[in-house]
């Protein structure tokens, strides 16, 4: 089984990401972000809002799961945004031994 990074905590329902730098989320400074487990509806809503822009679709989905605005996530450093991405992909992995490379509904063109 792959060891989780120290900045990531997973439960059956959520991934909590320790940010490298505190960031403004919903008008408050936070040092961690929790993503709840996605539903089919979450993915479909993000696809509907950004049907032709994969990066925007991902941002919308992650913001929804974290309960923050997409603009809040845009204010993260790339280091912290990559942590959010990895937290999502670990949370959405089919099996802890087999991390998913791409989330459902967010697959590269051609899949």
Protein backbone atom coordinates (compact mmCIF):
# COMPACT_ATOMS: atom_id res chain seq x y z
CA UNK A 1 0.00 0.00 0.00
CA UNK A 2 1.28 3.45 -0.90
CA UNK A 3 2.05 5.69 2.08
CA UNK A 4 0.11 8.94 2.30
CA UNK A 5 2.03 12.21 2.38
CA UNK A 6 2.18 13.82 5.84
CA UNK A 7 -0.01 16.72 4.60
CA UNK A 8 -2.92 14.43 3.61
CA UNK A 9 -5.50 12.72 5.82
CA UNK A 10 -8.07 10.41 4.24
CA UNK A 11 -11.29 9.04 5.66
CA UNK A 12 -14.04 7.12 3.90
CA UNK A 13 -15.87 10.42 3.28
CA UNK A 14 -13.24 13.13 2.93
CA UNK A 15 -9.67 14.17 2.23
CA UNK A 16 -8.12 16.86 4.43
CA UNK A 17 -5.19 18.70 2.90
CA UNK A 18 -2.73 20.65 5.05
CA UNK A 19 -1.79 23.70 3.00
CA UNK A 20 1.85 24.78 2.76
CA UNK A 21 0.69 28.40 3.24
CA UNK A 22 -2.49 29.70 4.81
CA UNK A 23 -4.96 30.96 2.22
CA UNK A 24 -8.19 32.96 2.16
CA UNK A 25 -11.27 30.74 1.81
CA UNK A 26 -14.76 32.21 2.21
CA UNK A 27 -13.21 35.35 3.69
CA UNK A 28 -11.23 33.51 6.37
CA UNK A 29 -7.57 32.45 6.52
CA UNK A 30 -7.27 28.67 6.70
CA UNK A 31 -4.32 26.29 6.82
CA UNK A 32 -6.23 23.19 5.68
CA UNK A 33 -8.93 22.32 3.20
CA UNK A 34 -11.31 19.37 3.37
CA UNK A 35 -12.81 17.82 0.23
CA UNK A 36 -15.90 15.69 0.78
CA UNK A 37 -16.41 12.58 -1.34
CA UNK A 38 -17.93 13.50 -4.73
CA UNK A 39 -21.32 12.40 -6.00
CA UNK A 40 -22.35 11.76 -9.60
CA UNK A 41 -24.33 15.00 -9.35
CA UNK A 42 -21.20 16.97 -8.39
CA UNK A 43 -19.34 15.72 -11.46
CA UNK A 44 -22.32 16.31 -13.77
CA UNK A 45 -22.81 19.86 -12.45
CA UNK A 46 -19.15 20.70 -13.07
CA UNK A 47 -19.36 19.21 -16.57
CA UNK A 48 -22.46 21.28 -17.32
CA UNK A 49 -20.80 24.52 -16.13
CA UNK A 50 -17.59 24.00 -18.12
CA UNK A 51 -18.26 21.46 -20.88
CA UNK A 52 -15.23 22.31 -23.00
CA UNK A 53 -12.66 23.42 -20.39
CA UNK A 54 -11.18 20.58 -18.34
CA UNK A 55 -9.18 22.86 -16.02
CA UNK A 56 -12.25 25.00 -15.24
CA UNK A 57 -14.36 21.86 -14.73
CA UNK A 58 -11.83 20.54 -12.21
CA UNK A 59 -11.71 23.88 -10.38
CA UNK A 60 -15.51 24.01 -10.16
CA UNK A 61 -15.70 20.43 -8.88
CA UNK A 62 -12.99 20.90 -6.25
CA UNK A 63 -14.56 24.17 -5.06
CA UNK A 64 -17.92 22.45 -4.68
CA UNK A 65 -16.42 19.58 -2.71
CA UNK A 66 -14.53 21.98 -0.43
CA UNK A 67 -17.48 24.35 0.06
CA UNK A 68 -15.53 27.34 -1.22
CA UNK A 69 -15.68 29.52 -4.30
CA UNK A 70 -13.62 28.71 -7.40
CA UNK A 71 -11.89 32.09 -7.02
CA UNK A 72 -10.69 31.02 -3.57
CA UNK A 73 -8.97 27.99 -5.10
CA UNK A 74 -7.46 30.18 -7.82
CA UNK A 75 -5.68 32.09 -5.03
CA UNK A 76 -3.79 28.97 -3.90
CA UNK A 77 -0.14 28.52 -4.76
CA UNK A 78 0.45 25.84 -7.39
CA UNK A 79 2.09 23.73 -4.69
CA UNK A 80 -1.11 23.76 -2.64
CA UNK A 81 -3.34 23.29 -5.68
CA UNK A 82 -1.36 20.17 -6.61
CA UNK A 83 -1.95 18.95 -3.06
CA UNK A 84 -5.69 19.47 -3.55
CA UNK A 85 -5.53 17.55 -6.84
CA UNK A 86 -3.66 14.67 -5.24
CA UNK A 87 -6.06 14.64 -2.30
CA UNK A 88 -8.99 14.39 -4.71
CA UNK A 89 -7.44 11.64 -6.79
CA UNK A 90 -6.50 9.66 -3.65
CA UNK A 91 -10.04 10.11 -2.29
CA UNK A 92 -11.54 9.02 -5.58
CA UNK A 93 -9.17 6.07 -6.07
CA UNK A 94 -10.95 2.78 -6.65
CA UNK A 95 -8.48 0.97 -4.40
CA UNK A 96 -5.81 2.34 -2.06
CA UNK A 97 -3.25 0.15 -3.83
CA UNK A 98 -4.18 1.50 -7.27
CA UNK A 99 -4.37 5.33 -7.29
CA UNK A 100 -6.49 6.72 -10.10
CA UNK A 101 -4.54 8.82 -12.60
CA UNK A 102 -7.56 10.81 -13.79
CA UNK A 103 -10.91 11.40 -12.08
CA UNK A 104 -14.15 10.28 -13.74
CA UNK A 105 -15.55 13.06 -15.90
CA UNK A 106 -12.18 14.76 -15.94
CA UNK A 107 -10.40 12.42 -18.31
CA UNK A 108 -8.14 13.75 -21.04
CA UNK A 109 -9.59 14.17 -24.52
CA UNK A 110 -9.86 10.89 -26.35
CA UNK A 111 -10.79 8.74 -23.34
